Amino acid sequence: MYVERASRLPGAVVWSRTIEASTVDPVHPVLPDGCMDLLWNEGRLLVAGPDTRAYVPGSAPAHWAGLRFGPGTAPTYLGVPAHELRDRRIDLTDLWPATTVRRLTARIANSPDPAIALEELALHRATETPPPDPLLRHLVAALDAGRPVAATAGELGLGARQLHRRSLTAFGYGPKTLARVLRLQRALALARAGVPFAETAARSGYADQAHLARDVKEFAGVPLGRLLGRAG
């Protein structure tokens, strides 16, 4: 069972997932979304970096709790450039002092709700770090609205190289990949709502349904119909 809610940390989402031994639900892949997660599983604190391809979680019985940071914000709170964590899941001890992580691990282990404890950790961290660059929020909004990368860079007063460098640090990849990831998420939201695939492609900014199909296959590793459990 998976549940989520908006976090008190702006732009973040608190979630939890329990996999029972007798579950018959399929294990759904985690698709690129421009985000990074702080995770709790089996007494460990981990960080999930930005994905450029589908990540398939294990199906063994387990309880996971997580806090998903809004696109581009996690590096500020975690203190590490996103590109160093691209397509990786690592222990928090690889990023922060072991003594700090042991203290936080004990606190979360003693909490009745690990997801809430993760949220509290992130909220406290936010008081100790500068706020995420507001320019990045504008970048995400512009690209999510389908604005071209070059035009967006000009509107933000950035050169192409500067935008690429700042995107690598914040998102783990360049602005063109970010634009594709955000477009994919727009398309999936429409398709999951029952919008026909051809209309989904047009409304999401793809050239045609074949273009959508290629992108889904590249990012998810499976055709769109199979990803959603239905025919196109």
Protein backbone atom coordinates (compact mmCIF):
# COMPACT_ATOMS: atom_id res chain seq x y z
CA MET A 1 0.00 0.00 0.00
CA TYR A 2 1.26 3.44 -0.95
CA VAL A 3 0.08 6.73 0.55
CA GLU A 4 1.35 10.28 0.21
CA ARG A 5 0.52 13.82 1.27
CA ALA A 6 1.87 17.31 0.76
CA SER A 7 4.67 18.16 3.17
CA ARG A 8 4.98 21.24 5.34
CA LEU A 9 8.28 21.74 3.51
CA PRO A 10 7.27 23.76 0.42
CA GLY A 11 7.10 21.66 -2.73
CA ALA A 12 7.87 18.36 -0.97
CA VAL A 13 5.77 15.22 -0.56
CA VAL A 14 5.71 12.83 2.41
CA TRP A 15 5.03 9.22 1.47
CA SER A 16 5.09 5.68 2.79
CA ARG A 17 4.86 2.27 1.17
CA THR A 18 4.31 -1.09 2.81
CA ILE A 19 4.93 -4.31 0.91
CA GLU A 20 3.21 -7.24 2.58
CA ALA A 21 4.42 -10.79 2.23
CA SER A 22 1.11 -11.82 0.67
CA THR A 23 0.73 -8.82 -1.62
CA VAL A 24 -0.48 -9.47 -5.14
CA ASP A 25 -0.07 -5.90 -6.33
CA PRO A 26 2.49 -5.44 -9.12
CA VAL A 27 5.68 -3.57 -8.31
CA HIS A 28 5.46 -0.32 -10.23
CA PRO A 29 8.66 1.30 -11.52
CA VAL A 30 9.69 4.69 -10.18
CA LEU A 31 9.96 6.97 -13.19
CA PRO A 32 12.12 10.08 -13.65
CA ASP A 33 10.37 13.15 -12.23
CA GLY A 34 13.14 15.67 -11.53
CA CYS A 35 13.00 14.92 -7.80
CA MET A 36 15.22 13.38 -5.12
CA ASP A 37 14.10 11.49 -2.02
CA LEU A 38 15.24 11.05 1.56
CA LEU A 39 14.37 7.46 2.49
CA TRP A 40 13.93 5.29 5.58
CA ASN A 41 14.01 1.53 5.24
CA GLU A 42 14.88 -1.22 7.69
CA GLY A 43 16.68 1.12 10.06
CA ARG A 44 18.68 2.89 7.34
CA LEU A 45 18.63 6.45 6.05
CA LEU A 46 19.24 6.66 2.33
CA VAL A 47 19.09 9.19 -0.48
CA ALA A 48 17.64 8.49 -3.91
CA GLY A 49 19.26 10.66 -6.53
CA PRO A 50 17.59 11.97 -9.68
CA ASP A 51 16.67 9.24 -12.14
CA THR A 52 17.19 9.24 -15.88
CA ARG A 53 15.58 5.81 -16.27
CA ALA A 54 13.02 3.71 -14.47
CA TYR A 55 13.98 2.31 -11.10
CA VAL A 56 12.22 -0.92 -10.12
CA PRO A 57 12.00 -1.35 -6.32
CA GLY A 58 12.26 -4.76 -4.75
CA SER A 59 9.17 -6.83 -4.01
CA ALA A 60 10.33 -8.35 -0.71
CA PRO A 61 8.20 -7.51 2.36
CA ALA A 62 9.31 -4.12 3.67
CA HIS A 63 8.16 -0.77 4.93
CA TRP A 64 9.47 2.37 3.29
CA ALA A 65 9.01 5.98 4.30
CA GLY A 66 10.21 8.92 2.29
CA LEU A 67 10.26 12.62 1.73
CA ARG A 68 10.35 13.63 -1.93
CA PHE A 69 11.92 17.04 -2.38
CA GLY A 70 10.54 19.34 -5.07
CA PRO A 71 12.54 19.45 -8.32
CA GLY A 72 15.87 21.19 -7.86
CA THR A 73 15.60 21.71 -4.10
CA ALA A 74 17.26 18.64 -2.55
CA PRO A 75 20.89 19.65 -3.25
CA THR A 76 20.42 22.76 -1.10
CA TYR A 77 19.18 20.72 1.86
CA LEU A 78 21.52 17.75 1.42
CA GLY A 79 24.63 19.73 0.54
CA VAL A 80 25.61 17.72 -2.53
CA PRO A 81 25.27 18.45 -6.29
CA ALA A 82 22.50 16.39 -7.84
CA HIS A 83 24.66 15.09 -10.68
CA GLU A 84 26.84 13.23 -8.16
CA LEU A 85 23.79 11.16 -7.17
CA ARG A 86 22.27 10.64 -10.62
CA ASP A 87 20.67 7.18 -10.91
CA ARG A 88 21.99 6.18 -7.48
CA ARG A 89 20.60 5.11 -4.08
CA ILE A 90 23.17 5.66 -1.33
CA ASP A 91 23.41 5.71 2.45
CA LEU A 92 23.16 9.13 4.04
CA THR A 93 26.46 8.36 5.78
CA ASP A 94 28.13 8.81 2.38
CA LEU A 95 27.05 12.46 2.47
CA TRP A 96 26.90 13.48 6.14
CA PRO A 97 29.11 12.72 9.16
CA ALA A 98 28.49 9.24 10.57
CA THR A 99 27.84 10.59 14.08
CA THR A 100 25.12 12.88 12.76
CA VAL A 101 23.47 10.10 10.80
CA ARG A 102 23.58 7.71 13.78
CA ARG A 103 21.82 10.32 15.91
CA LEU A 104 19.15 10.89 13.26
CA THR A 105 18.74 7.16 12.69
CA ALA A 106 18.09 6.58 16.39
CA ARG A 107 15.56 9.41 16.46
CA ILE A 108 13.61 8.04 13.51
CA ALA A 109 13.80 4.46 14.80
CA ASN A 110 12.16 5.60 18.04
CA SER A 111 9.48 7.60 16.25
CA PRO A 112 5.96 6.13 15.95
CA ASP A 113 5.82 7.40 12.37
CA PRO A 114 9.08 7.41 10.35
CA ALA A 115 7.52 9.50 7.58
CA ILE A 116 6.69 12.31 10.00
CA ALA A 117 10.16 12.02 11.53
CA LEU A 118 11.72 12.40 8.05
CA GLU A 119 9.61 15.49 7.47
CA GLU A 120 10.76 16.96 10.78
CA LEU A 121 14.36 16.24 9.83
CA ALA A 122 13.93 18.07 6.52
CA LEU A 123 12.15 21.02 8.15
CA HIS A 124 14.96 21.39 10.67
CA ARG A 125 17.54 21.13 7.91
CA ALA A 126 15.75 23.92 6.03
CA THR A 127 16.35 26.26 8.97
CA GLU A 128 20.09 25.62 8.73
CA THR A 129 20.53 26.06 4.97
CA PRO A 130 19.85 28.88 2.52
CA PRO A 131 16.56 28.58 0.61
CA PRO A 132 16.62 26.96 -2.83
CA ASP A 133 17.39 29.31 -5.69
CA PRO A 134 14.05 30.89 -6.76
CA LEU A 135 15.35 31.03 -10.32
CA LEU A 136 15.19 27.24 -10.43
CA ARG A 137 11.52 27.33 -9.46
CA HIS A 138 10.87 29.65 -12.39
CA LEU A 139 12.86 27.34 -14.67
CA VAL A 140 10.78 24.32 -13.68
CA ALA A 141 7.53 26.24 -14.12
CA ALA A 142 8.54 27.50 -17.57
CA LEU A 143 9.71 24.12 -18.84
CA ASP A 144 6.67 22.37 -17.35
CA ALA A 145 4.51 24.81 -19.29
CA GLY A 146 6.24 23.67 -22.47
CA ARG A 147 8.48 26.71 -22.98
CA PRO A 148 11.58 26.02 -25.14
CA VAL A 149 14.85 25.74 -23.25
CA ALA A 150 16.60 28.50 -25.22
CA ALA A 151 13.72 30.93 -24.74
CA THR A 152 13.53 30.10 -21.05
CA ALA A 153 17.25 30.71 -20.60
CA GLY A 154 16.87 34.13 -22.20
CA GLU A 155 13.91 35.00 -20.02
CA LEU A 156 15.94 34.10 -16.93
CA GLY A 157 18.94 36.09 -18.09
CA LEU A 158 21.21 33.04 -18.32
CA GLY A 159 23.52 31.85 -21.05
CA ALA A 160 23.24 28.28 -22.32
CA ARG A 161 26.38 27.09 -20.50
CA GLN A 162 25.41 28.75 -17.23
CA LEU A 163 21.92 27.26 -17.38
CA HIS A 164 23.35 23.82 -18.11
CA ARG A 165 25.82 24.05 -15.22
CA ARG A 166 23.19 25.18 -12.73
CA SER A 167 20.80 22.49 -13.95
CA LEU A 168 23.39 19.76 -13.41
CA THR A 169 23.87 20.93 -9.84
CA ALA A 170 20.16 21.25 -9.07
CA PHE A 171 18.55 18.47 -11.11
CA GLY A 172 21.34 16.07 -12.00
CA TYR A 173 21.07 16.66 -15.73
CA GLY A 174 20.79 19.45 -18.26
CA PRO A 175 17.69 21.56 -18.95
CA LYS A 176 16.78 19.66 -22.12
CA THR A 177 16.60 16.39 -20.20
CA LEU A 178 14.64 18.14 -17.44
CA ALA A 179 12.16 19.41 -20.04
CA ARG A 180 11.72 15.87 -21.38
CA VAL A 181 11.20 14.47 -17.88
CA LEU A 182 8.57 17.08 -17.06
CA ARG A 183 6.85 16.47 -20.40
CA LEU A 184 6.78 12.74 -19.65
CA GLN A 185 5.14 13.38 -16.29
CA ARG A 186 2.50 15.60 -17.94
CA ALA A 187 1.76 12.85 -20.43
CA LEU A 188 1.51 10.15 -17.78
CA ALA A 189 -0.92 12.24 -15.74
CA LEU A 190 -3.20 12.60 -18.76
CA ALA A 191 -2.91 8.97 -19.83
CA ARG A 192 -3.65 7.73 -16.31
CA ALA A 193 -6.74 9.93 -16.31
CA GLY A 194 -7.98 8.01 -19.35
CA VAL A 195 -7.08 10.49 -22.10
CA PRO A 196 -6.42 8.61 -25.38
CA PHE A 197 -2.75 8.27 -26.18
CA ALA A 198 -2.89 10.37 -29.37
CA GLU A 199 -4.59 13.22 -27.52
CA THR A 200 -2.20 12.79 -24.60
CA ALA A 201 0.74 13.23 -26.96
CA ALA A 202 -0.71 16.39 -28.52
CA ARG A 203 -1.64 18.00 -25.21
CA SER A 204 1.73 17.18 -23.61
CA GLY A 205 3.84 18.74 -26.36
CA TYR A 206 4.94 15.69 -28.33
CA ALA A 207 5.10 15.78 -32.11
CA ASP A 208 2.80 12.76 -32.33
CA GLN A 209 1.90 9.51 -30.56
CA ALA A 210 4.99 7.77 -31.92
CA HIS A 211 7.18 10.45 -30.35
CA LEU A 212 5.44 9.87 -27.01
CA ALA A 213 5.91 6.12 -27.37
CA ARG A 214 9.65 6.50 -27.99
CA ASP A 215 10.12 8.71 -24.95
CA VAL A 216 8.15 6.38 -22.69
CA LYS A 217 10.14 3.37 -23.91
CA GLU A 218 13.43 5.22 -23.32
CA PHE A 219 12.60 6.43 -19.81
CA ALA A 220 10.39 3.58 -18.57
CA GLY A 221 11.80 0.66 -20.49
CA VAL A 222 8.32 -0.59 -21.46
CA PRO A 223 5.56 0.60 -23.84
CA LEU A 224 3.02 3.08 -22.51
CA GLY A 225 0.14 0.60 -22.60
CA ARG A 226 2.06 -1.93 -20.56
CA LEU A 227 3.22 0.76 -18.14
CA LEU A 228 -0.40 1.73 -17.47
CA GLY A 229 -1.78 -1.79 -17.65
CA ARG A 230 -4.02 -1.12 -20.61
CA ALA A 231 -4.02 -0.97 -24.39
CA GLY A 232 -3.51 2.25 -26.28
